[in-house]
Amino acid sequence: MTIAVSIIFCTQPSRAFQAQITPKSPALGDTVSLIIQSQTAPSVRFNGKTYPSFDLGNNRYRTLLPTTPLDRPGRLSIQVTAGTDTQTIPITLRNRSFPTQSIWLPPGKDSNGDDAEFDRVDAFKAIVSPEKLWSGKFLRPNQGEVSSGYGIRRYYNGVFAKDYYHRGIDYAGGQGSAIVAPAAGRVVLIGRESQGFRVHGNCVGLDHGQGVESIYIHMSRIDVKEGDFVKPGQRIGAVGATGSATGPHLHWGVFVHSLAVDPTPWRTGTFE
């Protein structure tokens, strides 16, 4: 069950604004939803970055704030400025324990990629389109069992990957099994192993609007093209082992303002 906490700030009665935070006690990797009741559009700063707010109507604005396993758990603050009022909202980011895993990539699958591949993916993750396209809970993108969870730390061929965490969820679907869009979105990235995507392999990136994106990598085939609008449950491709993969599986990642957050809360709850 989703729990929200409401905090009312009143420096002057005419300029009071109310903030609602969900979840009340976020953990590393959670997406924090901040809804502010205000007469003017607020500016929000968190973890040294400024994040946009989006109008929900009726003088309500929402900002999504990403957290990751690389953040420092403990007491943090969200600074909100609305009109002439600036207030600081304290939150506590809970720690999580993430397992460690060893991955052995065979020759030919152990590429570190090149700048061109990662530049395209970074540009995709940075998209902040104004319209919210998703609605309700995200669907499961593949019916295979989960083989690797979010946040896992890894050794690759015996070398610990510093500042790395598994930026999504792996589904051990069979070769050629269907990959579907978990939510409405627009196809804004198509990457192909034959065109230099040596790490991601064949991949699709969806823009769900307002700084929320999702990616599907190691695909055997791609059934959409850039610019397509996809509906929840629509097939976008099939599971494969292209790129840096030890075998057929789907890697599914969700990004909020360029940072890879835990996809699970997007499937179990809603960010309306």
Protein backbone atom coordinates (compact mmCIF):
# COMPACT_ATOMS: atom_id res chain seq x y z
CA MET A 1 0.00 0.00 0.00
CA THR A 2 1.34 3.41 -0.93
CA ILE A 3 1.71 5.80 1.98
CA ALA A 4 1.95 9.53 1.53
CA VAL A 5 2.94 12.18 4.00
CA SER A 6 1.61 15.72 3.82
CA ILE A 7 3.62 18.62 5.18
CA ILE A 8 2.13 22.10 5.35
CA PHE A 9 4.46 25.10 5.28
CA CYS A 10 3.08 28.49 6.27
CA THR A 11 5.47 31.40 6.40
CA GLN A 12 2.60 33.77 5.61
CA PRO A 13 -1.04 32.67 5.25
CA SER A 14 -1.35 34.21 1.78
CA ARG A 15 1.65 32.32 0.47
CA ALA A 16 1.27 28.93 2.15
CA PHE A 17 1.88 25.81 0.09
CA GLN A 18 1.38 22.16 0.86
CA ALA A 19 3.70 19.31 -0.14
CA GLN A 20 2.91 15.60 -0.32
CA ILE A 21 5.74 13.04 -0.53
CA THR A 22 5.35 9.43 -1.68
CA PRO A 23 6.70 7.06 -0.44
CA LYS A 24 6.92 8.38 3.11
CA SER A 25 10.14 6.49 3.80
CA PRO A 26 12.00 5.97 0.48
CA ALA A 27 14.89 3.53 0.09
CA LEU A 28 17.85 3.59 -2.27
CA GLY A 29 16.58 3.21 -5.83
CA ASP A 30 13.08 4.51 -5.15
CA THR A 31 11.40 7.19 -7.22
CA VAL A 32 10.12 9.94 -4.93
CA SER A 33 6.94 11.74 -6.00
CA LEU A 34 6.53 15.27 -4.67
CA ILE A 35 3.14 16.93 -5.19
CA ILE A 36 2.86 20.61 -4.27
CA GLN A 37 -0.32 22.64 -3.88
CA SER A 38 0.66 26.15 -4.90
CA GLN A 39 -0.60 29.22 -6.71
CA THR A 40 2.63 29.35 -8.74
CA ALA A 41 4.79 26.70 -10.40
CA PRO A 42 7.45 25.56 -7.91
CA SER A 43 11.17 25.05 -8.43
CA VAL A 44 12.59 21.91 -6.79
CA ARG A 45 16.19 21.10 -5.85
CA PHE A 46 17.33 17.71 -4.59
CA ASN A 47 20.78 16.15 -4.28
CA GLY A 48 22.37 19.20 -5.88
CA LYS A 49 20.15 19.17 -8.98
CA THR A 50 17.11 21.19 -10.06
CA TYR A 51 14.12 19.17 -11.26
CA PRO A 52 11.11 20.34 -13.29
CA SER A 53 7.57 20.34 -11.95
CA PHE A 54 4.53 19.55 -14.10
CA ASP A 55 1.06 21.03 -13.80
CA LEU A 56 -1.59 18.54 -12.62
CA GLY A 57 -4.37 21.12 -12.64
CA ASN A 58 -6.17 22.79 -9.72
CA ASN A 59 -2.94 24.49 -8.59
CA ARG A 60 -1.22 21.12 -8.10
CA TYR A 61 2.27 20.37 -9.43
CA ARG A 62 4.28 17.14 -9.40
CA THR A 63 8.01 16.53 -9.45
CA LEU A 64 9.60 13.07 -9.71
CA LEU A 65 12.92 12.71 -7.88
CA PRO A 66 15.22 9.74 -8.62
CA THR A 67 17.43 7.94 -6.11
CA THR A 68 20.02 5.22 -6.82
CA PRO A 69 22.19 2.69 -4.95
CA LEU A 70 25.10 5.13 -5.32
CA ASP A 71 23.38 7.77 -3.16
CA ARG A 72 24.33 8.19 0.48
CA PRO A 73 21.51 6.97 2.73
CA GLY A 74 20.38 9.09 5.66
CA ARG A 75 18.95 12.54 6.17
CA LEU A 76 18.42 14.53 2.98
CA SER A 77 16.46 17.62 2.08
CA ILE A 78 14.27 18.83 -0.76
CA GLN A 79 14.27 22.57 -1.37
CA VAL A 80 11.05 23.97 -2.81
CA THR A 81 10.60 27.53 -4.04
CA ALA A 82 7.10 28.70 -4.94
CA GLY A 83 6.71 32.40 -5.61
CA THR A 84 8.59 34.22 -2.85
CA ASP A 85 8.46 31.25 -0.46
CA THR A 86 11.39 28.86 -0.12
CA GLN A 87 11.06 25.91 2.22
CA THR A 88 13.19 22.86 3.00
CA ILE A 89 11.49 19.48 3.31
CA PRO A 90 13.51 16.86 5.21
CA ILE A 91 13.39 13.21 4.16
CA THR A 92 15.29 10.13 5.28
CA LEU A 93 16.61 7.85 2.53
CA ARG A 94 16.78 4.29 3.85
CA ASN A 95 19.67 1.98 3.06
CA ARG A 96 19.23 -1.26 1.11
CA SER A 97 21.40 -4.32 0.88
CA PHE A 98 22.31 -5.24 -2.70
CA PRO A 99 23.95 -8.60 -3.51
CA THR A 100 27.18 -9.04 -5.47
CA GLN A 101 27.37 -11.17 -8.59
CA SER A 102 30.19 -12.47 -10.82
CA ILE A 103 29.68 -12.33 -14.59
CA TRP A 104 32.03 -14.03 -17.03
CA LEU A 105 31.74 -12.71 -20.58
CA PRO A 106 33.32 -14.75 -23.36
CA PRO A 107 35.66 -13.19 -25.92
CA GLY A 108 33.67 -11.05 -28.32
CA LYS A 109 31.05 -10.28 -25.66
CA ASP A 110 33.33 -8.38 -23.29
CA SER A 111 33.36 -5.03 -25.11
CA ASN A 112 33.31 -1.78 -23.13
CA GLY A 113 31.54 -0.07 -26.02
CA ASP A 114 32.52 3.25 -27.54
CA ASP A 115 31.56 6.88 -27.09
CA ALA A 116 29.11 6.88 -30.00
CA GLU A 117 26.99 4.13 -28.44
CA PHE A 118 26.89 5.68 -24.98
CA ASP A 119 26.36 9.22 -26.31
CA ARG A 120 23.19 8.08 -28.04
CA VAL A 121 21.93 6.29 -24.94
CA ASP A 122 22.78 9.27 -22.71
CA ALA A 123 20.89 11.62 -25.05
CA PHE A 124 17.89 9.28 -24.89
CA LYS A 125 17.92 9.20 -21.08
CA ALA A 126 18.06 13.01 -20.89
CA ILE A 127 14.78 13.55 -22.78
CA VAL A 128 12.15 15.50 -20.82
CA SER A 129 9.04 15.81 -22.97
CA PRO A 130 6.13 17.80 -21.50
CA GLU A 131 3.27 15.33 -21.93
CA LYS A 132 2.66 12.46 -19.50
CA LEU A 133 2.00 9.37 -21.64
CA TRP A 134 1.85 6.57 -19.06
CA SER A 135 -1.18 5.79 -16.90
CA GLY A 136 -1.44 3.44 -13.95
CA LYS A 137 0.92 0.61 -13.12
CA PHE A 138 3.56 -0.56 -15.59
CA LEU A 139 3.09 -4.03 -17.07
CA ARG A 140 5.65 -6.83 -16.97
CA PRO A 141 7.64 -6.54 -20.23
CA ASN A 142 8.45 -10.27 -20.49
CA GLN A 143 7.05 -13.43 -18.90
CA GLY A 144 10.43 -15.00 -18.09
CA GLU A 145 11.64 -15.46 -14.53
CA VAL A 146 13.69 -12.65 -12.98
CA SER A 147 17.34 -13.71 -13.20
CA SER A 148 19.03 -10.52 -11.90
CA GLY A 149 17.46 -7.82 -9.80
CA TYR A 150 18.00 -4.09 -9.68
CA GLY A 151 21.00 -2.69 -7.85
CA ILE A 152 23.26 -5.77 -7.93
CA ARG A 153 27.00 -5.02 -7.76
CA ARG A 154 29.15 -7.04 -10.14
CA TYR A 155 32.53 -8.49 -10.93
CA TYR A 156 33.08 -8.72 -14.68
CA ASN A 157 35.61 -11.41 -15.62
CA GLY A 158 37.01 -11.21 -12.10
CA VAL A 159 37.32 -7.40 -11.91
CA PHE A 160 35.01 -5.46 -9.58
CA ALA A 161 33.05 -2.76 -11.44
CA LYS A 162 33.51 0.33 -9.28
CA ASP A 163 30.60 2.80 -9.17
CA TYR A 164 28.51 0.24 -11.04
CA TYR A 165 25.10 -1.12 -10.13
CA HIS A 166 22.70 -3.21 -12.20
CA ARG A 167 20.51 -0.54 -13.75
CA GLY A 168 17.41 -2.61 -14.28
CA ILE A 169 15.85 -6.06 -14.06
CA ASP A 170 16.80 -9.11 -16.14
CA TYR A 171 14.12 -11.53 -17.32
CA ALA A 172 15.32 -14.98 -18.39
CA GLY A 173 12.82 -15.28 -21.22
CA GLY A 174 13.53 -17.81 -23.91
CA GLN A 175 15.14 -16.85 -27.20
CA GLY A 176 12.51 -15.12 -29.34
CA SER A 177 9.94 -14.68 -26.55
CA ALA A 178 7.86 -11.52 -26.73
CA ILE A 179 8.90 -8.18 -25.24
CA VAL A 180 5.96 -5.81 -24.71
CA ALA A 181 5.72 -2.14 -23.80
CA PRO A 182 4.83 -1.85 -20.10
CA ALA A 183 3.19 1.55 -20.63
CA ALA A 184 2.25 3.96 -23.38
CA GLY A 185 5.21 5.75 -24.90
CA ARG A 186 6.99 6.89 -28.00
CA VAL A 187 9.92 5.03 -29.57
CA VAL A 188 12.83 7.48 -29.45
CA LEU A 189 15.82 5.12 -29.62
CA ILE A 190 16.61 2.18 -31.87
CA GLY A 191 20.08 0.71 -31.47
CA ARG A 192 21.46 -2.22 -33.45
CA GLU A 193 24.45 -4.43 -32.77
CA SER A 194 25.29 -4.28 -36.49
CA GLN A 195 25.57 -0.49 -36.21
CA GLY A 196 27.99 -0.42 -33.27
CA PHE A 197 25.83 -1.13 -30.20
CA ARG A 198 28.31 -3.67 -28.88
CA VAL A 199 27.23 -3.41 -25.20
CA HIS A 200 23.46 -2.86 -25.44
CA GLY A 201 23.06 -4.96 -28.55
CA ASN A 202 19.76 -4.54 -30.36
CA CYS A 203 17.75 -2.21 -28.16
CA VAL A 204 14.65 -0.02 -27.96
CA GLY A 205 14.16 3.12 -25.87
CA LEU A 206 10.69 4.44 -25.00
CA ASP A 207 9.84 7.96 -23.85
CA HIS A 208 6.91 7.91 -21.41
CA GLY A 209 6.96 11.68 -20.90
CA GLN A 210 8.02 14.15 -18.21
CA GLY A 211 11.52 12.72 -17.77
CA VAL A 212 10.52 9.03 -17.58
CA GLU A 213 12.12 6.61 -20.07
CA SER A 214 12.53 2.84 -20.33
CA ILE A 215 15.01 0.70 -22.27
CA TYR A 216 15.01 -2.90 -23.55
CA ILE A 217 18.37 -4.42 -24.47
CA HIS A 218 19.97 -7.61 -25.87
CA MET A 219 16.97 -8.10 -28.21
CA SER A 220 17.00 -10.66 -31.04
CA ARG A 221 14.60 -8.61 -33.14
CA ILE A 222 12.98 -5.18 -33.10
CA ASP A 223 9.36 -4.78 -34.21
CA VAL A 224 9.01 -0.98 -33.97
CA LYS A 225 10.71 2.04 -35.49
CA GLU A 226 11.68 5.46 -34.18
CA GLY A 227 8.67 7.76 -33.93
CA ASP A 228 6.13 4.97 -33.34
CA PHE A 229 3.64 5.44 -30.51
CA VAL A 230 3.14 2.20 -28.57
CA LYS A 231 0.33 1.14 -26.26
CA PRO A 232 0.63 -0.88 -23.03
CA GLY A 233 1.09 -4.56 -23.87
CA GLN A 234 2.06 -3.93 -27.50
CA ARG A 235 4.87 -6.16 -28.75
CA ILE A 236 8.04 -4.18 -29.47
CA GLY A 237 10.46 -7.05 -30.13
CA ALA A 238 11.84 -10.37 -28.93
CA VAL A 239 14.35 -11.63 -26.37
CA GLY A 240 17.89 -12.35 -27.57
CA ALA A 241 21.54 -12.34 -26.54
CA THR A 242 22.97 -9.48 -28.60
CA GLY A 243 25.58 -7.16 -27.13
CA SER A 244 27.30 -7.97 -23.83
CA ALA A 245 25.14 -10.92 -22.80
CA THR A 246 26.00 -14.40 -21.57
CA GLY A 247 22.74 -15.84 -22.91
CA PRO A 248 19.21 -14.93 -24.00
CA HIS A 249 17.47 -12.53 -21.62
CA LEU A 250 15.79 -9.15 -21.50
CA HIS A 251 17.36 -6.30 -19.57
CA TRP A 252 14.66 -3.76 -18.69
CA GLY A 253 15.63 -0.40 -17.25
CA VAL A 254 13.59 2.61 -16.11
CA PHE A 255 15.12 6.08 -15.98
CA VAL A 256 13.85 9.18 -14.20
CA HIS A 257 15.68 12.32 -15.28
CA SER A 258 18.61 10.26 -16.63
CA LEU A 259 19.11 8.12 -13.50
CA ALA A 260 18.30 4.40 -13.42
CA VAL A 261 15.71 3.79 -10.71
CA ASP A 262 14.22 0.53 -9.45
CA PRO A 263 11.51 -0.52 -11.96
CA THR A 264 9.63 -2.60 -9.35
CA PRO A 265 7.73 0.31 -7.70
CA TRP A 266 6.55 1.33 -11.18
CA ARG A 267 4.92 -2.12 -11.53
CA THR A 268 3.50 -2.36 -8.01
CA GLY A 269 2.32 1.25 -7.57
CA THR A 270 1.32 4.30 -9.56
CA PHE A 271 2.97 7.64 -10.17
CA GLU A 272 0.02 9.74 -11.31
